[in-house]
Amino acid sequence: MGEQQGPAARVPLIEESEATGRTAELYDLIKSRTGLPFVPDMFRLVSTRPDLMEVLITGYTGVFNDGVLPRATREMISAWSSKVNGCPYCVGTHNWFLSQFGGSEELTHAIATADKPGELPLDERTLALMELVTQVCTGAYRITDEDWDRVAAAGWSNEEMLEAVFTAGLFAFINRLVDGFGLGTSMTRSRISRQSDADAGADGGAGTAA
């Protein structure tokens, strides 16, 4: 099995053309789940460990397949969590997906530039959820029952809040992988964020990756 040291990565990234065995099977699965014609580099960071790649795929599938929150909301949480966590690489990726699923240019620009959730162009109900997401990123241990109840009082169900917190938690993990392995620290734009609409349009079943 051939391996190639990916540009800007501290770990080997297996090329699609050189993948064999379980890695090749997982590459096909990733493309079917994301709806993309290539395997995003974020997944390739763990391509030498198919067992770990399976964990990553499972997490993504859980968040970006059918869910209780609209896909645009999940992408907004992903992009904003990445902003709070200091990962421009993932911000760009998920802002691109957010735009494909109906997010406005005003919102994606604000996510990339804002310092706090109150600076995002959101209604009060959505802002309450995003404040909770921000707490997950900046100090989840400080979240109180009163914080949780405040978001519920804004109109969010427990199931929706569970999904929002899970998504934010997943991106704390993803952002650390991307930056820790050197991909996000030396590249600010992913292949996904560089796509034009002609190259790849999102559809209702598209997943996501960085």
N, C-alpha and C. Protein backbone atom coordinates (compact mmCIF):
# COMPACT_ATOMS: atom_id res chain seq x y z
N MET A 1 0.85 -1.19 0.00
CA MET A 1 0.00 0.00 0.00
C MET A 1 0.88 1.23 0.00
N GLY A 2 0.72 2.08 -0.99
CA GLY A 2 1.54 3.27 -1.06
C GLY A 2 1.01 4.34 -0.14
N GLU A 3 1.92 5.19 0.36
CA GLU A 3 1.53 6.30 1.21
C GLU A 3 2.22 7.55 0.69
N GLN A 4 1.59 8.66 0.90
CA GLN A 4 2.17 9.91 0.47
C GLN A 4 2.04 10.92 1.59
N GLN A 5 3.12 11.60 1.89
CA GLN A 5 3.07 12.65 2.90
C GLN A 5 2.32 13.82 2.31
N GLY A 6 1.15 14.07 2.81
CA GLY A 6 0.32 15.14 2.27
C GLY A 6 0.94 16.49 2.53
N PRO A 7 0.77 17.42 1.60
CA PRO A 7 1.27 18.77 1.84
C PRO A 7 0.61 19.34 3.07
N ALA A 8 1.38 19.91 3.95
CA ALA A 8 0.89 20.59 5.15
C ALA A 8 0.42 19.63 6.23
N ALA A 9 0.59 18.33 6.06
CA ALA A 9 0.16 17.38 7.09
C ALA A 9 1.36 16.73 7.74
N ARG A 10 1.24 16.43 9.03
CA ARG A 10 2.32 15.79 9.78
C ARG A 10 2.22 14.26 9.77
N VAL A 11 1.17 13.76 9.16
CA VAL A 11 0.97 12.32 9.10
C VAL A 11 0.80 11.91 7.64
N PRO A 12 1.04 10.63 7.32
CA PRO A 12 0.89 10.18 5.93
C PRO A 12 -0.57 10.20 5.49
N LEU A 13 -0.81 10.64 4.27
CA LEU A 13 -2.14 10.62 3.68
C LEU A 13 -2.12 9.67 2.49
N ILE A 14 -2.95 8.65 2.55
CA ILE A 14 -2.97 7.67 1.46
C ILE A 14 -3.78 8.22 0.30
N GLU A 15 -3.18 8.21 -0.88
CA GLU A 15 -3.87 8.67 -2.07
C GLU A 15 -5.01 7.71 -2.42
N GLU A 16 -6.07 8.23 -3.00
CA GLU A 16 -7.18 7.37 -3.39
C GLU A 16 -6.73 6.29 -4.36
N SER A 17 -5.86 6.66 -5.29
CA SER A 17 -5.41 5.70 -6.31
C SER A 17 -4.53 4.61 -5.72
N GLU A 18 -4.04 4.80 -4.51
CA GLU A 18 -3.14 3.83 -3.90
C GLU A 18 -3.79 3.08 -2.74
N ALA A 19 -5.04 3.41 -2.44
CA ALA A 19 -5.72 2.77 -1.31
C ALA A 19 -6.10 1.34 -1.66
N THR A 20 -5.93 0.45 -0.70
CA THR A 20 -6.31 -0.95 -0.88
C THR A 20 -7.04 -1.43 0.36
N GLY A 21 -7.64 -2.61 0.25
CA GLY A 21 -8.25 -3.24 1.40
C GLY A 21 -9.32 -2.38 2.07
N ARG A 22 -9.30 -2.38 3.40
CA ARG A 22 -10.33 -1.67 4.17
C ARG A 22 -10.28 -0.17 3.93
N THR A 23 -9.09 0.38 3.72
CA THR A 23 -8.98 1.82 3.43
C THR A 23 -9.71 2.17 2.15
N ALA A 24 -9.55 1.36 1.13
CA ALA A 24 -10.24 1.61 -0.14
C ALA A 24 -11.75 1.51 0.04
N GLU A 25 -12.19 0.54 0.81
CA GLU A 25 -13.63 0.40 1.08
C GLU A 25 -14.18 1.62 1.80
N LEU A 26 -13.42 2.11 2.77
CA LEU A 26 -13.87 3.28 3.53
C LEU A 26 -13.85 4.54 2.67
N TYR A 27 -12.89 4.64 1.78
CA TYR A 27 -12.87 5.78 0.85
C TYR A 27 -14.14 5.80 0.00
N ASP A 28 -14.54 4.64 -0.49
CA ASP A 28 -15.78 4.57 -1.28
C ASP A 28 -16.98 4.95 -0.41
N LEU A 29 -16.98 4.50 0.83
CA LEU A 29 -18.07 4.81 1.74
C LEU A 29 -18.14 6.31 2.02
N ILE A 30 -16.99 6.93 2.24
CA ILE A 30 -16.94 8.37 2.50
C ILE A 30 -17.54 9.14 1.33
N LYS A 31 -17.16 8.78 0.12
CA LYS A 31 -17.68 9.50 -1.04
C LYS A 31 -19.19 9.30 -1.21
N SER A 32 -19.67 8.11 -0.88
CA SER A 32 -21.11 7.88 -0.99
C SER A 32 -21.86 8.64 0.09
N ARG A 33 -21.27 8.78 1.26
CA ARG A 33 -21.93 9.49 2.37
C ARG A 33 -21.89 11.00 2.18
N THR A 34 -20.79 11.52 1.63
CA THR A 34 -20.66 12.97 1.48
C THR A 34 -21.24 13.49 0.18
N GLY A 35 -21.38 12.61 -0.82
CA GLY A 35 -21.83 13.07 -2.12
C GLY A 35 -20.75 13.81 -2.89
N LEU A 36 -19.51 13.71 -2.45
CA LEU A 36 -18.39 14.38 -3.11
C LEU A 36 -17.64 13.40 -4.00
N PRO A 37 -17.01 13.91 -5.06
CA PRO A 37 -16.28 13.03 -5.99
C PRO A 37 -14.87 12.69 -5.52
N PHE A 38 -14.48 13.16 -4.35
CA PHE A 38 -13.15 12.89 -3.81
C PHE A 38 -13.25 12.68 -2.30
N VAL A 39 -12.21 12.09 -1.74
CA VAL A 39 -12.16 11.89 -0.29
C VAL A 39 -11.54 13.13 0.34
N PRO A 40 -12.30 13.86 1.15
CA PRO A 40 -11.74 15.07 1.78
C PRO A 40 -10.50 14.75 2.61
N ASP A 41 -9.57 15.69 2.61
CA ASP A 41 -8.30 15.47 3.29
C ASP A 41 -8.47 15.23 4.79
N MET A 42 -9.52 15.78 5.38
CA MET A 42 -9.72 15.57 6.81
C MET A 42 -9.82 14.08 7.14
N PHE A 43 -10.55 13.33 6.31
CA PHE A 43 -10.65 11.89 6.51
C PHE A 43 -9.32 11.20 6.25
N ARG A 44 -8.59 11.71 5.26
CA ARG A 44 -7.32 11.09 4.88
C ARG A 44 -6.26 11.24 5.96
N LEU A 45 -6.48 12.15 6.91
CA LEU A 45 -5.52 12.30 8.00
C LEU A 45 -5.36 11.01 8.80
N VAL A 46 -6.42 10.20 8.85
CA VAL A 46 -6.34 8.93 9.59
C VAL A 46 -6.43 7.73 8.64
N SER A 47 -6.02 7.94 7.39
CA SER A 47 -6.15 6.88 6.39
C SER A 47 -5.24 5.69 6.66
N THR A 48 -4.17 5.88 7.43
CA THR A 48 -3.31 4.74 7.78
C THR A 48 -3.87 3.92 8.93
N ARG A 49 -4.98 4.39 9.51
CA ARG A 49 -5.64 3.68 10.60
C ARG A 49 -7.13 3.53 10.28
N PRO A 50 -7.50 2.53 9.48
CA PRO A 50 -8.90 2.35 9.11
C PRO A 50 -9.84 2.25 10.31
N ASP A 51 -9.36 1.71 11.43
CA ASP A 51 -10.23 1.62 12.60
C ASP A 51 -10.61 3.00 13.12
N LEU A 52 -9.67 3.94 13.08
CA LEU A 52 -9.97 5.30 13.51
C LEU A 52 -10.82 6.03 12.47
N MET A 53 -10.57 5.74 11.20
CA MET A 53 -11.35 6.38 10.15
C MET A 53 -12.82 5.97 10.26
N GLU A 54 -13.07 4.73 10.64
CA GLU A 54 -14.45 4.29 10.83
C GLU A 54 -15.15 5.09 11.92
N VAL A 55 -14.43 5.41 12.99
CA VAL A 55 -15.01 6.23 14.07
C VAL A 55 -15.38 7.60 13.53
N LEU A 56 -14.49 8.18 12.73
CA LEU A 56 -14.72 9.50 12.16
C LEU A 56 -15.95 9.49 11.24
N ILE A 57 -16.05 8.47 10.40
CA ILE A 57 -17.19 8.36 9.49
C ILE A 57 -18.49 8.21 10.26
N THR A 58 -18.46 7.40 11.31
CA THR A 58 -19.67 7.21 12.12
C THR A 58 -20.14 8.52 12.73
N GLY A 59 -19.20 9.30 13.25
CA GLY A 59 -19.56 10.58 13.84
C GLY A 59 -20.18 11.52 12.81
N TYR A 60 -19.58 11.59 11.65
CA TYR A 60 -20.11 12.46 10.60
C TYR A 60 -21.48 12.01 10.14
N THR A 61 -21.64 10.69 9.99
CA THR A 61 -22.93 10.18 9.56
C THR A 61 -24.01 10.52 10.57
N GLY A 62 -23.67 10.40 11.85
CA GLY A 62 -24.65 10.71 12.88
C GLY A 62 -25.10 12.15 12.85
N VAL A 63 -24.18 13.06 12.54
CA VAL A 63 -24.51 14.49 12.54
C VAL A 63 -25.14 14.96 11.24
N PHE A 64 -24.64 14.46 10.11
CA PHE A 64 -25.03 15.07 8.84
C PHE A 64 -25.98 14.26 7.98
N ASN A 65 -26.40 13.10 8.43
CA ASN A 65 -27.49 12.45 7.73
C ASN A 65 -28.80 13.01 8.30
N ASP A 66 -29.83 12.25 8.37
CA ASP A 66 -31.09 12.76 8.89
C ASP A 66 -30.93 13.19 10.34
N GLY A 67 -31.50 14.35 10.67
CA GLY A 67 -31.42 14.85 12.02
C GLY A 67 -32.66 15.63 12.38
N VAL A 68 -32.74 16.07 13.61
CA VAL A 68 -33.91 16.83 14.05
C VAL A 68 -33.75 18.32 13.73
N LEU A 69 -32.52 18.80 13.63
CA LEU A 69 -32.28 20.18 13.24
C LEU A 69 -32.16 20.29 11.73
N PRO A 70 -32.57 21.40 11.13
CA PRO A 70 -32.37 21.58 9.69
C PRO A 70 -30.88 21.49 9.36
N ARG A 71 -30.58 21.03 8.15
CA ARG A 71 -29.18 20.87 7.76
C ARG A 71 -28.44 22.21 7.85
N ALA A 72 -29.09 23.30 7.48
CA ALA A 72 -28.43 24.60 7.56
C ALA A 72 -28.05 24.94 8.99
N THR A 73 -28.88 24.58 9.94
CA THR A 73 -28.58 24.84 11.35
C THR A 73 -27.38 24.03 11.80
N ARG A 74 -27.32 22.77 11.38
CA ARG A 74 -26.18 21.93 11.75
C ARG A 74 -24.89 22.45 11.13
N GLU A 75 -24.97 22.95 9.89
CA GLU A 75 -23.78 23.52 9.26
C GLU A 75 -23.38 24.82 9.95
N MET A 76 -24.35 25.63 10.36
CA MET A 76 -24.04 26.85 11.09
C MET A 76 -23.32 26.52 12.40
N ILE A 77 -23.81 25.52 13.12
CA ILE A 77 -23.17 25.11 14.37
C ILE A 77 -21.74 24.63 14.09
N SER A 78 -21.57 23.86 13.01
CA SER A 78 -20.24 23.34 12.67
C SER A 78 -19.28 24.47 12.35
N ALA A 79 -19.73 25.42 11.53
CA ALA A 79 -18.87 26.53 11.13
C ALA A 79 -18.56 27.44 12.32
N TRP A 80 -19.58 27.76 13.13
CA TRP A 80 -19.34 28.64 14.27
C TRP A 80 -18.48 27.97 15.34
N SER A 81 -18.71 26.69 15.60
CA SER A 81 -17.86 25.97 16.56
C SER A 81 -16.40 26.01 16.09
N SER A 82 -16.20 25.83 14.80
CA SER A 82 -14.84 25.87 14.25
C SER A 82 -14.23 27.26 14.41
N LYS A 83 -15.06 28.31 14.26
CA LYS A 83 -14.56 29.67 14.45
C LYS A 83 -14.14 29.87 15.91
N VAL A 84 -15.00 29.47 16.83
CA VAL A 84 -14.68 29.63 18.26
C VAL A 84 -13.44 28.82 18.62
N ASN A 85 -13.28 27.66 17.99
CA ASN A 85 -12.14 26.79 18.28
C ASN A 85 -10.88 27.20 17.54
N GLY A 86 -10.96 28.24 16.70
CA GLY A 86 -9.78 28.75 16.02
C GLY A 86 -9.31 27.91 14.87
N CYS A 87 -10.24 27.35 14.07
CA CYS A 87 -9.88 26.50 12.93
C CYS A 87 -10.46 27.07 11.64
N PRO A 88 -9.78 28.05 11.02
CA PRO A 88 -10.29 28.66 9.79
C PRO A 88 -10.53 27.64 8.66
N TYR A 89 -9.72 26.59 8.63
CA TYR A 89 -9.88 25.55 7.61
C TYR A 89 -11.29 24.96 7.65
N CYS A 90 -11.76 24.62 8.84
CA CYS A 90 -13.10 24.04 8.97
C CYS A 90 -14.20 25.09 8.87
N VAL A 91 -13.91 26.33 9.26
CA VAL A 91 -14.89 27.41 9.07
C VAL A 91 -15.22 27.54 7.60
N GLY A 92 -14.20 27.58 6.76
CA GLY A 92 -14.43 27.73 5.33
C GLY A 92 -15.22 26.58 4.73
N THR A 93 -14.87 25.36 5.17
CA THR A 93 -15.58 24.19 4.67
C THR A 93 -17.06 24.25 5.00
N HIS A 94 -17.37 24.52 6.25
CA HIS A 94 -18.77 24.44 6.67
C HIS A 94 -19.56 25.71 6.36
N ASN A 95 -18.87 26.83 6.16
CA ASN A 95 -19.55 27.99 5.60
C ASN A 95 -19.95 27.71 4.15
N TRP A 96 -19.11 26.98 3.43
CA TRP A 96 -19.46 26.61 2.04
C TRP A 96 -20.71 25.73 2.05
N PHE A 97 -20.74 24.73 2.92
CA PHE A 97 -21.92 23.89 2.99
C PHE A 97 -23.14 24.68 3.46
N LEU A 98 -22.94 25.57 4.42
CA LEU A 98 -24.04 26.40 4.89
C LEU A 98 -24.64 27.20 3.75
N SER A 99 -23.80 27.75 2.88
CA SER A 99 -24.31 28.51 1.75
C SER A 99 -25.08 27.62 0.79
N GLN A 100 -24.67 26.36 0.66
CA GLN A 100 -25.36 25.43 -0.24
C GLN A 100 -26.73 25.03 0.30
N PHE A 101 -26.89 25.12 1.60
CA PHE A 101 -28.16 24.72 2.22
C PHE A 101 -28.98 25.92 2.69
N GLY A 102 -28.75 27.07 2.07
CA GLY A 102 -29.63 28.21 2.27
C GLY A 102 -29.10 29.32 3.16
N GLY A 103 -27.90 29.17 3.71
CA GLY A 103 -27.34 30.23 4.54
C GLY A 103 -27.00 31.45 3.72
N SER A 104 -27.29 32.62 4.24
CA SER A 104 -27.05 33.86 3.51
C SER A 104 -25.57 34.23 3.52
N GLU A 105 -25.18 35.06 2.56
CA GLU A 105 -23.81 35.56 2.52
C GLU A 105 -23.52 36.40 3.77
N GLU A 106 -24.53 37.12 4.24
CA GLU A 106 -24.36 37.91 5.46
C GLU A 106 -24.01 37.01 6.64
N LEU A 107 -24.69 35.87 6.74
CA LEU A 107 -24.43 34.96 7.86
C LEU A 107 -23.06 34.32 7.74
N THR A 108 -22.70 33.81 6.58
CA THR A 108 -21.40 33.16 6.44
C THR A 108 -20.26 34.14 6.67
N HIS A 109 -20.43 35.39 6.22
CA HIS A 109 -19.39 36.40 6.46
C HIS A 109 -19.28 36.69 7.96
N ALA A 110 -20.42 36.78 8.63
CA ALA A 110 -20.40 37.07 10.06
C ALA A 110 -19.75 35.94 10.84
N ILE A 111 -20.03 34.71 10.48
CA ILE A 111 -19.41 33.56 11.15
C ILE A 111 -17.89 33.64 11.03
N ALA A 112 -17.41 34.03 9.87
CA ALA A 112 -15.97 34.09 9.64
C ALA A 112 -15.29 35.24 10.38
N THR A 113 -16.05 36.27 10.72
CA THR A 113 -15.43 37.49 11.26
C THR A 113 -15.87 37.85 12.69
N ALA A 114 -16.99 37.32 13.16
CA ALA A 114 -17.53 37.71 14.47
C ALA A 114 -16.68 37.15 15.60
N ASP A 115 -16.75 37.82 16.74
CA ASP A 115 -16.04 37.36 17.93
C ASP A 115 -16.97 36.74 18.96
N LYS A 116 -18.27 36.99 18.85
CA LYS A 116 -19.22 36.43 19.80
C LYS A 116 -20.55 36.20 19.10
N PRO A 117 -21.37 35.28 19.61
CA PRO A 117 -22.61 34.93 18.91
C PRO A 117 -23.56 36.11 18.74
N GLY A 118 -23.52 37.08 19.65
CA GLY A 118 -24.40 38.23 19.53
C GLY A 118 -24.14 39.07 18.30
N GLU A 119 -22.99 38.86 17.64
CA GLU A 119 -22.67 39.60 16.43
C GLU A 119 -23.18 38.91 15.17
N LEU A 120 -23.76 37.74 15.33
CA LEU A 120 -24.31 37.01 14.18
C LEU A 120 -25.72 37.51 13.89
N PRO A 121 -26.11 37.56 12.61
CA PRO A 121 -27.45 38.03 12.25
C PRO A 121 -28.51 36.96 12.48
N LEU A 122 -28.89 36.78 13.73
CA LEU A 122 -29.79 35.71 14.13
C LEU A 122 -30.97 36.26 14.91
N ASP A 123 -32.10 35.55 14.85
CA ASP A 123 -33.23 35.91 15.70
C ASP A 123 -32.93 35.44 17.12
N GLU A 124 -33.72 35.92 18.07
CA GLU A 124 -33.45 35.65 19.48
C GLU A 124 -33.47 34.16 19.81
N ARG A 125 -34.38 33.42 19.17
CA ARG A 125 -34.47 31.98 19.45
C ARG A 125 -33.19 31.27 19.01
N THR A 126 -32.73 31.57 17.80
CA THR A 126 -31.52 30.92 17.29
C THR A 126 -30.29 31.38 18.06
N LEU A 127 -30.27 32.64 18.44
CA LEU A 127 -29.14 33.15 19.21
C LEU A 127 -29.00 32.40 20.53
N ALA A 128 -30.10 32.07 21.17
CA ALA A 128 -30.04 31.32 22.43
C ALA A 128 -29.34 29.97 22.23
N LEU A 129 -29.66 29.30 21.14
CA LEU A 129 -29.02 28.01 20.86
C LEU A 129 -27.53 28.20 20.58
N MET A 130 -27.18 29.24 19.82
CA MET A 130 -25.78 29.45 19.48
C MET A 130 -24.97 29.90 20.68
N GLU A 131 -25.60 30.54 21.64
CA GLU A 131 -24.90 30.86 22.89
C GLU A 131 -24.56 29.59 23.65
N LEU A 132 -25.46 28.62 23.62
CA LEU A 132 -25.17 27.33 24.25
C LEU A 132 -24.03 26.63 23.53
N VAL A 133 -24.06 26.65 22.20
CA VAL A 133 -22.98 26.06 21.40
C VAL A 133 -21.64 26.71 21.75
N THR A 134 -21.65 28.01 21.91
CA THR A 134 -20.42 28.72 22.26
C THR A 134 -19.91 28.29 23.62
N GLN A 135 -20.82 28.08 24.57
CA GLN A 135 -20.42 27.59 25.88
C GLN A 135 -19.78 26.21 25.80
N VAL A 136 -20.31 25.36 24.93
CA VAL A 136 -19.72 24.03 24.75
C VAL A 136 -18.26 24.17 24.31
N CYS A 137 -18.01 25.14 23.42
CA CYS A 137 -16.66 25.31 22.87
C CYS A 137 -15.70 25.98 23.84
N THR A 138 -16.20 26.87 24.67
CA THR A 138 -15.31 27.67 25.52
C THR A 138 -15.20 27.16 26.95
N GLY A 139 -16.09 26.30 27.37
CA GLY A 139 -16.03 25.77 28.74
C GLY A 139 -17.30 25.04 29.08
N ALA A 140 -17.44 23.86 28.52
CA ALA A 140 -18.69 23.10 28.70
C ALA A 140 -18.96 22.79 30.17
N TYR A 141 -17.91 22.67 30.95
CA TYR A 141 -18.10 22.36 32.37
C TYR A 141 -18.79 23.49 33.12
N ARG A 142 -18.83 24.69 32.52
CA ARG A 142 -19.48 25.82 33.17
C ARG A 142 -20.97 25.92 32.84
N ILE A 143 -21.47 25.06 31.94
CA ILE A 143 -22.89 25.09 31.60
C ILE A 143 -23.71 24.64 32.81
N THR A 144 -24.72 25.41 33.15
CA THR A 144 -25.57 25.09 34.31
C THR A 144 -26.94 24.64 33.85
N ASP A 145 -27.70 24.11 34.78
CA ASP A 145 -29.09 23.75 34.47
C ASP A 145 -29.87 24.99 34.06
N GLU A 146 -29.54 26.12 34.64
CA GLU A 146 -30.22 27.37 34.27
C GLU A 146 -29.92 27.75 32.82
N ASP A 147 -28.68 27.54 32.37
CA ASP A 147 -28.33 27.79 30.97
C ASP A 147 -29.17 26.91 30.04
N TRP A 148 -29.24 25.65 30.40
CA TRP A 148 -30.00 24.68 29.60
C TRP A 148 -31.48 25.07 29.55
N ASP A 149 -32.02 25.42 30.71
CA ASP A 149 -33.43 25.79 30.78
C ASP A 149 -33.72 27.06 29.99
N ARG A 150 -32.77 27.98 29.94
CA ARG A 150 -32.95 29.22 29.20
C ARG A 150 -33.08 28.94 27.70
N VAL A 151 -32.29 28.00 27.19
CA VAL A 151 -32.38 27.64 25.77
C VAL A 151 -33.69 26.91 25.50
N ALA A 152 -34.10 26.05 26.42
CA ALA A 152 -35.38 25.36 26.26
C ALA A 152 -36.53 26.37 26.26
N ALA A 153 -36.43 27.38 27.11
CA ALA A 153 -37.48 28.39 27.18
C ALA A 153 -37.55 29.22 25.89
N ALA A 154 -36.45 29.26 25.15
CA ALA A 154 -36.44 29.99 23.88
C ALA A 154 -37.18 29.21 22.79
N GLY A 155 -37.51 27.94 23.07
CA GLY A 155 -38.30 27.18 22.12
C GLY A 155 -37.62 25.97 21.52
N TRP A 156 -36.48 25.57 22.08
CA TRP A 156 -35.77 24.40 21.56
C TRP A 156 -36.11 23.17 22.38
N SER A 157 -36.34 22.04 21.69
CA SER A 157 -36.64 20.79 22.38
C SER A 157 -35.36 20.17 22.91
N ASN A 158 -35.49 19.26 23.86
CA ASN A 158 -34.33 18.58 24.40
C ASN A 158 -33.59 17.80 23.32
N GLU A 159 -34.35 17.22 22.39
CA GLU A 159 -33.74 16.46 21.30
C GLU A 159 -32.92 17.38 20.39
N GLU A 160 -33.44 18.57 20.12
CA GLU A 160 -32.70 19.53 19.28
C GLU A 160 -31.44 20.01 19.99
N MET A 161 -31.56 20.25 21.27
CA MET A 161 -30.40 20.70 22.03
C MET A 161 -29.34 19.60 22.14
N LEU A 162 -29.78 18.37 22.28
CA LEU A 162 -28.84 17.24 22.29
C LEU A 162 -28.04 17.22 21.00
N GLU A 163 -28.73 17.36 19.88
CA GLU A 163 -28.04 17.31 18.59
C GLU A 163 -27.09 18.49 18.43
N ALA A 164 -27.50 19.67 18.89
CA ALA A 164 -26.64 20.85 18.79
C ALA A 164 -25.37 20.68 19.60
N VAL A 165 -25.50 20.19 20.84
CA VAL A 165 -24.34 20.00 21.70
C VAL A 165 -23.45 18.89 21.16
N PHE A 166 -24.05 17.83 20.63
CA PHE A 166 -23.26 16.74 20.05
C PHE A 166 -22.45 17.26 18.87
N THR A 167 -23.09 18.06 18.02
CA THR A 167 -22.40 18.61 16.85
C THR A 167 -21.24 19.49 17.27
N ALA A 168 -21.47 20.36 18.24
CA ALA A 168 -20.39 21.22 18.73
C ALA A 168 -19.26 20.39 19.33
N GLY A 169 -19.61 19.34 20.08
CA GLY A 169 -18.61 18.48 20.66
C GLY A 169 -17.81 17.73 19.61
N LEU A 170 -18.50 17.27 18.57
CA LEU A 170 -17.80 16.58 17.48
C LEU A 170 -16.79 17.50 16.83
N PHE A 171 -17.17 18.77 16.66
CA PHE A 171 -16.24 19.67 15.99
C PHE A 171 -15.09 20.11 16.89
N ALA A 172 -15.26 20.05 18.19
CA ALA A 172 -14.11 20.25 19.06
C ALA A 172 -13.06 19.17 18.76
N PHE A 173 -13.54 17.97 18.53
CA PHE A 173 -12.68 16.83 18.19
C PHE A 173 -12.07 17.00 16.80
N ILE A 174 -12.91 17.30 15.81
CA ILE A 174 -12.45 17.42 14.43
C ILE A 174 -11.45 18.57 14.29
N ASN A 175 -11.76 19.71 14.87
CA ASN A 175 -10.86 20.86 14.77
C ASN A 175 -9.49 20.53 15.34
N ARG A 176 -9.44 19.80 16.45
CA ARG A 176 -8.16 19.45 17.05
C ARG A 176 -7.37 18.49 16.16
N LEU A 177 -8.07 17.57 15.51
CA LEU A 177 -7.37 16.67 14.58
C LEU A 177 -6.78 17.46 13.42
N VAL A 178 -7.59 18.30 12.81
CA VAL A 178 -7.15 19.06 11.64
C VAL A 178 -5.95 19.94 11.98
N ASP A 179 -6.01 20.61 13.11
CA ASP A 179 -4.91 21.49 13.49
C ASP A 179 -3.73 20.72 14.09
N GLY A 180 -4.02 19.72 14.90
CA GLY A 180 -2.95 18.96 15.54
C GLY A 180 -2.09 18.20 14.54
N PHE A 181 -2.71 17.72 13.47
CA PHE A 181 -1.97 16.99 12.44
C PHE A 181 -1.37 17.94 11.40
N GLY A 182 -1.57 19.25 11.59
CA GLY A 182 -0.89 20.21 10.74
C GLY A 182 -1.61 20.63 9.48
N LEU A 183 -2.80 20.09 9.24
CA LEU A 183 -3.52 20.45 8.02
C LEU A 183 -4.07 21.86 8.12
N GLY A 184 -4.79 22.14 9.20
CA GLY A 184 -5.41 23.45 9.34
C GLY A 184 -4.46 24.55 9.74
N THR A 185 -3.33 24.19 10.34
CA THR A 185 -2.40 25.23 10.79
C THR A 185 -1.57 25.80 9.65
N SER A 186 -1.51 25.10 8.53
CA SER A 186 -0.72 25.60 7.41
C SER A 186 -1.54 25.78 6.13
N MET A 187 -2.82 25.39 6.16
CA MET A 187 -3.72 25.62 5.04
C MET A 187 -5.01 26.20 5.61
N THR A 188 -5.45 27.32 5.06
CA THR A 188 -6.67 27.94 5.59
C THR A 188 -7.90 27.57 4.78
N ARG A 189 -7.72 26.96 3.61
CA ARG A 189 -8.88 26.61 2.78
C ARG A 189 -8.80 25.15 2.36
N SER A 190 -9.91 24.45 2.53
CA SER A 190 -10.00 23.05 2.12
C SER A 190 -10.38 22.96 0.65
N ARG A 191 -10.24 21.77 0.10
CA ARG A 191 -10.68 21.56 -1.28
C ARG A 191 -12.17 21.81 -1.42
N ILE A 192 -12.93 21.49 -0.40
CA ILE A 192 -14.38 21.70 -0.46
C ILE A 192 -14.70 23.18 -0.56
N SER A 193 -14.06 24.00 0.25
CA SER A 193 -14.37 25.43 0.24
C SER A 193 -13.92 26.11 -1.05
N ARG A 194 -13.03 25.45 -1.81
CA ARG A 194 -12.57 26.03 -3.07
C ARG A 194 -13.44 25.62 -4.25
N GLN A 195 -14.40 24.76 -4.02
CA GLN A 195 -15.26 24.32 -5.10
C GLN A 195 -16.15 25.45 -5.60
N SER A 196 -16.41 25.42 -6.88
CA SER A 196 -17.42 26.32 -7.43
C SER A 196 -18.72 25.54 -7.51
N ASP A 197 -19.81 26.23 -7.67
CA ASP A 197 -21.11 25.57 -7.78
C ASP A 197 -21.12 24.61 -8.96
N ALA A 198 -20.35 24.92 -9.98
CA ALA A 198 -20.31 24.05 -11.16
C ALA A 198 -19.58 22.76 -10.86
N ASP A 199 -18.61 22.83 -9.94
CA ASP A 199 -17.82 21.64 -9.61
C ASP A 199 -18.63 20.66 -8.76
N ALA A 200 -19.38 21.20 -7.81
CA ALA A 200 -20.12 20.32 -6.91
C ALA A 200 -21.25 21.09 -6.26
N GLY A 201 -22.47 20.75 -6.62
CA GLY A 201 -23.59 21.35 -5.95
C GLY A 201 -24.09 20.42 -4.87
N ALA A 202 -24.47 20.97 -3.74
CA ALA A 202 -24.98 20.14 -2.65
C ALA A 202 -26.39 19.68 -2.96
N ASP A 203 -26.69 18.45 -2.55
CA ASP A 203 -28.06 17.96 -2.66
C ASP A 203 -28.53 17.56 -1.28
N GLY A 204 -29.75 17.15 -1.19
CA GLY A 204 -30.32 16.88 0.12
C GLY A 204 -29.63 15.78 0.87
N GLY A 205 -28.90 14.87 0.17
CA GLY A 205 -28.28 13.78 0.87
C GLY A 205 -26.80 13.98 1.09
N ALA A 206 -26.27 15.13 0.65
CA ALA A 206 -24.84 15.35 0.78
C ALA A 206 -24.44 15.40 2.24
N GLY A 207 -23.30 14.81 2.52
CA GLY A 207 -22.76 14.90 3.86
C GLY A 207 -21.78 16.04 3.92
N THR A 208 -20.78 15.91 4.75
CA THR A 208 -19.83 16.99 4.87
C THR A 208 -18.50 16.49 5.36
N ALA A 209 -17.48 17.22 5.05
CA ALA A 209 -16.15 16.88 5.50
C ALA A 209 -15.26 18.09 5.35
N ALA A 210 -14.06 17.99 5.92
CA ALA A 210 -13.12 19.10 5.80
C ALA A 210 -11.89 18.68 5.02
